[in-house]
Amino acid sequence: MEHIKKVSGPVSITLLHSPANEHFITILGDYHDELPLCRPCDIKEGCYTVQELLEHLTNTFSGNSAVFLEMFSDQDPSRMPPRGITGQLDLTRIKAPIYKIDLRTPKILDFFIEWVRQQETTNALQIENLIGQETLDGTFNYLPKYTLSAVLDEDSLLDLVDLDSAGPAAALKSLMMNLDQDNEYLYYYAAVALYWIVDLNFITKVKESNTSMSIVFIGKAHADHYVEYYTNRGYVPLIQASSEYSKCISTV
């Protein structure tokens, strides 16, 4: 990636490498709002859009690769259109397997909200503990039909079900406070509280794809989580850059 000088679209980019199994992961973090892009951005000058970067990495990498996007599966009839740059990608031009890893469809959010309603406790911390235990036991039946715990060890599951972080914990508390009301934000609260099922799906799909290079474009909160997850497992950062103020990242 030495000739890639800038990337226009994400707010962070991290390239990780595992010396143990020669696996590379490129993690592109996104903010789902409007920030300045690289202007101008010319591939001849080493500036790549997200589209161009995904095409370049999957076309030129010497091993096999796969792309992971924060989008709903085509097989889900309740899917909603992706936001921002993700929705503008031409996936037909990416010559690699593409995994759409967001599981938080309206059907799943409805199930989760009803599951919370049915619990005997109204204590958010106790609900967090119940969610964690249900996940470890592999019994949450709104998750995919395969058992996630068959692919991930218990430490991995605990690292990914991170409800103690400020956003998901606050969203879960807000969800519980508004369960008895016809509140337009219930889906939002549920989606934030369930952000970890996207991470479970991503890590699972990376393992199942068994590729040499994994490339993900996802919200920055997820991206930061993945960087921590993989560095804790021996991956070494080769490139790491971010910006709070623009979607124009320098890699040099």
Protein backbone atom coordinates (compact mmCIF):
# COMPACT_ATOMS: atom_id res chain seq x y z
CA MET A 1 0.00 0.00 0.00
CA GLU A 2 3.05 2.25 -0.17
CA HIS A 3 1.77 4.16 -3.22
CA ILE A 4 -1.59 4.90 -1.52
CA LYS A 5 -1.04 8.31 0.04
CA LYS A 6 -4.60 9.37 0.91
CA VAL A 7 -8.02 7.75 1.23
CA SER A 8 -11.17 9.82 0.69
CA GLY A 9 -14.27 8.57 2.53
CA PRO A 10 -13.31 7.04 5.88
CA VAL A 11 -12.30 8.91 9.05
CA SER A 12 -9.81 6.20 10.03
CA ILE A 13 -7.71 3.53 8.39
CA THR A 14 -5.78 0.73 10.06
CA LEU A 15 -3.83 -2.05 8.39
CA LEU A 16 -3.13 -4.96 10.73
CA HIS A 17 -0.98 -8.02 10.11
CA SER A 18 -0.78 -11.29 11.99
CA PRO A 19 2.73 -12.78 11.82
CA ALA A 20 1.29 -16.02 13.17
CA ASN A 21 -0.97 -16.79 10.20
CA GLU A 22 0.02 -14.13 7.61
CA HIS A 23 -3.46 -12.62 7.71
CA PHE A 24 -3.97 -8.94 6.86
CA ILE A 25 -6.97 -6.83 7.92
CA THR A 26 -7.68 -3.38 6.51
CA ILE A 27 -10.17 -1.55 8.76
CA LEU A 28 -11.84 1.60 7.41
CA GLY A 29 -13.85 3.56 9.98
CA ASP A 30 -16.78 5.74 8.93
CA TYR A 31 -18.80 8.55 10.52
CA HIS A 32 -22.41 8.42 9.31
CA ASP A 33 -22.52 12.15 8.69
CA GLU A 34 -21.18 14.78 6.34
CA LEU A 35 -17.51 15.73 6.65
CA PRO A 36 -15.13 17.15 4.01
CA LEU A 37 -13.71 14.64 1.55
CA CYS A 38 -10.32 14.90 -0.16
CA ARG A 39 -10.56 17.70 -2.73
CA PRO A 40 -9.21 17.02 -5.26
CA CYS A 41 -8.71 13.25 -5.13
CA ASP A 42 -6.79 11.84 -8.07
CA ILE A 43 -5.70 8.22 -8.10
CA LYS A 44 -2.69 9.24 -10.22
CA GLU A 45 -1.55 11.36 -7.27
CA GLY A 46 -2.02 8.49 -4.79
CA CYS A 47 -5.49 9.54 -3.53
CA TYR A 48 -8.10 6.75 -3.55
CA THR A 49 -11.82 6.87 -2.89
CA VAL A 50 -13.32 4.00 -0.87
CA GLN A 51 -14.58 2.47 -4.13
CA GLU A 52 -11.14 2.70 -5.74
CA LEU A 53 -9.39 1.37 -2.64
CA LEU A 54 -11.67 -1.68 -2.37
CA GLU A 55 -11.18 -2.41 -6.06
CA HIS A 56 -7.42 -1.90 -5.85
CA LEU A 57 -6.85 -4.05 -2.77
CA THR A 58 -9.00 -6.93 -3.99
CA ASN A 59 -7.56 -6.84 -7.52
CA THR A 60 -3.86 -6.52 -6.66
CA PHE A 61 -3.42 -8.41 -3.40
CA SER A 62 -1.36 -11.55 -4.07
CA GLY A 63 -3.56 -13.75 -1.87
CA ASN A 64 -7.34 -14.18 -1.68
CA SER A 65 -9.43 -11.41 -0.12
CA ALA A 66 -12.94 -10.60 1.09
CA VAL A 67 -14.84 -7.36 1.75
CA PHE A 68 -17.13 -6.74 4.74
CA LEU A 69 -19.66 -3.89 4.68
CA GLU A 70 -22.09 -2.45 7.24
CA MET A 71 -25.10 -3.32 5.09
CA PHE A 72 -28.11 -5.61 5.43
CA SER A 73 -28.11 -8.95 3.64
CA ASP A 74 -29.81 -9.12 0.23
CA GLN A 75 -31.66 -12.16 1.51
CA ASP A 76 -33.47 -10.15 4.19
CA PRO A 77 -36.75 -8.71 2.86
CA SER A 78 -36.88 -6.17 5.71
CA ARG A 79 -33.55 -4.58 4.84
CA MET A 80 -33.19 -0.81 4.80
CA PRO A 81 -31.01 1.20 2.39
CA PRO A 82 -27.44 1.84 3.61
CA ARG A 83 -26.41 5.34 4.55
CA GLY A 84 -23.68 7.58 3.23
CA ILE A 85 -20.79 6.36 1.11
CA THR A 86 -21.63 2.69 1.64
CA GLY A 87 -24.86 3.14 -0.29
CA GLN A 88 -22.96 4.74 -3.19
CA LEU A 89 -20.58 1.81 -3.76
CA ASP A 90 -20.79 -0.17 -6.99
CA LEU A 91 -20.36 -3.66 -5.59
CA THR A 92 -20.33 -5.25 -9.06
CA ARG A 93 -16.87 -3.76 -9.63
CA ILE A 94 -15.36 -5.44 -6.55
CA LYS A 95 -13.96 -8.80 -7.64
CA ALA A 96 -14.00 -10.54 -4.27
CA PRO A 97 -16.60 -12.10 -1.95
CA ILE A 98 -18.68 -9.39 -0.23
CA TYR A 99 -20.24 -9.96 3.18
CA LYS A 100 -23.04 -7.64 4.32
CA ILE A 101 -22.64 -7.93 8.06
CA ASP A 102 -25.33 -5.79 9.70
CA LEU A 103 -27.89 -8.08 11.34
CA ARG A 104 -29.97 -5.33 12.95
CA THR A 105 -32.98 -5.56 10.66
CA PRO A 106 -36.41 -4.32 11.82
CA LYS A 107 -37.43 -7.94 12.42
CA ILE A 108 -34.49 -8.50 14.75
CA LEU A 109 -35.01 -5.18 16.52
CA ASP A 110 -38.69 -6.04 17.08
CA PHE A 111 -37.69 -9.38 18.54
CA PHE A 112 -35.09 -7.81 20.82
CA ILE A 113 -37.48 -5.12 22.10
CA GLU A 114 -40.09 -7.80 22.88
CA TRP A 115 -37.45 -9.98 24.58
CA VAL A 116 -36.49 -7.08 26.86
CA ARG A 117 -40.19 -6.47 27.66
CA GLN A 118 -40.60 -10.08 28.73
CA GLN A 119 -37.78 -10.05 31.27
CA GLU A 120 -38.79 -10.01 34.92
CA THR A 121 -36.30 -7.29 35.84
CA THR A 122 -36.21 -3.60 34.91
CA ASN A 123 -32.62 -3.21 36.06
CA ALA A 124 -30.40 -2.36 33.07
CA LEU A 125 -27.31 -4.01 34.54
CA GLN A 126 -29.23 -7.24 35.12
CA ILE A 127 -30.49 -7.11 31.53
CA GLU A 128 -26.88 -6.66 30.36
CA ASN A 129 -25.87 -9.74 32.31
CA LEU A 130 -28.79 -11.71 30.85
CA ILE A 131 -27.79 -10.67 27.32
CA GLY A 132 -24.20 -11.74 27.92
CA GLN A 133 -25.23 -15.11 29.34
CA GLU A 134 -27.76 -15.74 26.57
CA THR A 135 -25.07 -15.00 24.01
CA LEU A 136 -22.53 -17.30 25.64
CA ASP A 137 -25.15 -20.05 25.80
CA GLY A 138 -25.94 -19.56 22.11
CA THR A 139 -29.69 -19.38 22.76
CA PHE A 140 -30.58 -15.92 21.46
CA ASN A 141 -32.92 -17.03 18.68
CA TYR A 142 -32.99 -13.68 16.90
CA LEU A 143 -29.35 -14.25 15.96
CA PRO A 144 -28.46 -16.28 12.85
CA LYS A 145 -29.42 -19.93 12.93
CA TYR A 146 -25.82 -21.11 13.19
CA THR A 147 -24.35 -21.04 16.69
CA LEU A 148 -21.84 -18.23 17.02
CA SER A 149 -20.20 -19.85 20.04
CA ALA A 150 -19.29 -22.84 17.83
CA VAL A 151 -16.91 -20.53 15.94
CA LEU A 152 -15.76 -18.15 18.71
CA ASP A 153 -14.28 -19.05 22.07
CA GLU A 154 -15.75 -17.64 25.29
CA ASP A 155 -13.05 -14.94 25.64
CA SER A 156 -13.83 -13.72 22.12
CA LEU A 157 -17.55 -13.57 22.86
CA LEU A 158 -16.98 -11.63 26.06
CA ASP A 159 -14.71 -9.16 24.24
CA LEU A 160 -17.34 -8.54 21.58
CA VAL A 161 -20.45 -8.33 23.80
CA ASP A 162 -19.27 -5.01 25.18
CA LEU A 163 -22.39 -3.48 26.71
CA ASP A 164 -20.31 -1.76 29.38
CA SER A 165 -19.18 0.81 26.81
CA ALA A 166 -20.94 4.16 27.11
CA GLY A 167 -23.06 4.11 23.95
CA PRO A 168 -24.67 0.65 24.15
CA ALA A 169 -25.17 0.81 27.93
CA ALA A 170 -26.86 4.23 27.71
CA ALA A 171 -29.02 3.08 24.78
CA LEU A 172 -30.14 0.00 26.71
CA LYS A 173 -31.14 2.15 29.70
CA SER A 174 -33.06 4.52 27.41
CA LEU A 175 -34.77 1.57 25.74
CA MET A 176 -35.94 0.21 29.08
CA MET A 177 -37.16 3.62 30.27
CA ASN A 178 -39.35 3.97 27.16
CA LEU A 179 -40.61 0.41 26.67
CA ASP A 180 -44.15 1.26 27.81
CA GLN A 181 -44.43 4.19 25.44
CA ASP A 182 -44.97 4.38 21.71
CA ASN A 183 -41.57 6.00 21.32
CA GLU A 184 -40.16 6.71 17.85
CA TYR A 185 -36.63 6.22 19.18
CA LEU A 186 -37.10 2.62 20.36
CA TYR A 187 -35.51 1.23 17.18
CA TYR A 188 -32.57 3.59 17.58
CA TYR A 189 -32.03 2.60 21.22
CA ALA A 190 -32.32 -1.08 20.34
CA ALA A 191 -29.94 -0.78 17.38
CA VAL A 192 -27.23 0.92 19.48
CA ALA A 193 -27.66 -1.57 22.32
CA LEU A 194 -27.31 -4.39 19.79
CA TYR A 195 -24.24 -3.01 18.00
CA TRP A 196 -22.25 -6.03 19.24
CA ILE A 197 -24.16 -8.50 17.05
CA VAL A 198 -22.59 -6.78 14.03
CA ASP A 199 -19.19 -7.40 15.59
CA LEU A 200 -20.01 -11.04 16.36
CA ASN A 201 -21.08 -11.51 12.76
CA PHE A 202 -17.98 -9.78 11.40
CA ILE A 203 -15.48 -11.80 13.43
CA THR A 204 -17.38 -15.00 12.62
CA LYS A 205 -17.43 -14.23 8.89
CA VAL A 206 -13.71 -13.37 8.87
CA LYS A 207 -12.97 -16.78 10.39
CA GLU A 208 -15.32 -18.58 8.00
CA SER A 209 -14.05 -16.78 4.87
CA ASN A 210 -10.50 -18.02 5.55
CA THR A 211 -8.91 -15.37 3.34
CA SER A 212 -5.46 -13.79 3.41
CA MET A 213 -6.81 -10.22 3.35
CA SER A 214 -10.01 -9.00 5.05
CA ILE A 215 -11.23 -5.46 4.29
CA VAL A 216 -14.03 -3.85 6.30
CA PHE A 217 -15.78 -0.48 5.90
CA ILE A 218 -17.91 0.20 8.96
CA GLY A 219 -18.83 2.79 11.59
CA LYS A 220 -15.82 4.02 13.55
CA ALA A 221 -17.10 2.70 16.89
CA HIS A 222 -17.02 -0.80 15.39
CA ALA A 223 -13.68 -0.12 13.68
CA ASP A 224 -12.04 0.91 16.95
CA HIS A 225 -13.43 -2.22 18.57
CA TYR A 226 -11.90 -4.42 15.85
CA VAL A 227 -8.48 -2.77 16.13
CA GLU A 228 -8.48 -3.47 19.87
CA TYR A 229 -9.80 -7.01 19.39
CA TYR A 230 -7.15 -8.03 16.87
CA THR A 231 -4.18 -6.26 18.46
CA ASN A 232 -5.03 -8.11 21.68
CA ARG A 233 -4.62 -11.28 19.64
CA GLY A 234 -1.17 -10.51 18.29
CA TYR A 235 -1.91 -8.47 15.16
CA VAL A 236 0.61 -5.71 14.46
CA PRO A 237 -0.46 -2.27 13.11
CA LEU A 238 1.37 -1.47 9.86
CA ILE A 239 -0.67 1.66 9.07
CA GLN A 240 -2.81 3.61 11.53
CA ALA A 241 -4.30 7.05 10.88
CA SER A 242 -7.50 8.90 11.76
CA SER A 243 -9.19 12.30 11.73
CA GLU A 244 -12.03 13.81 13.71
CA TYR A 245 -12.68 16.61 11.25
CA SER A 246 -12.55 15.21 7.72
CA LYS A 247 -13.02 12.10 5.64
CA CYS A 248 -9.60 12.54 4.07
CA ILE A 249 -6.98 10.28 5.66
CA SER A 250 -3.26 10.46 4.97
CA THR A 251 -1.51 7.09 5.09
CA VAL A 252 2.05 8.45 4.89
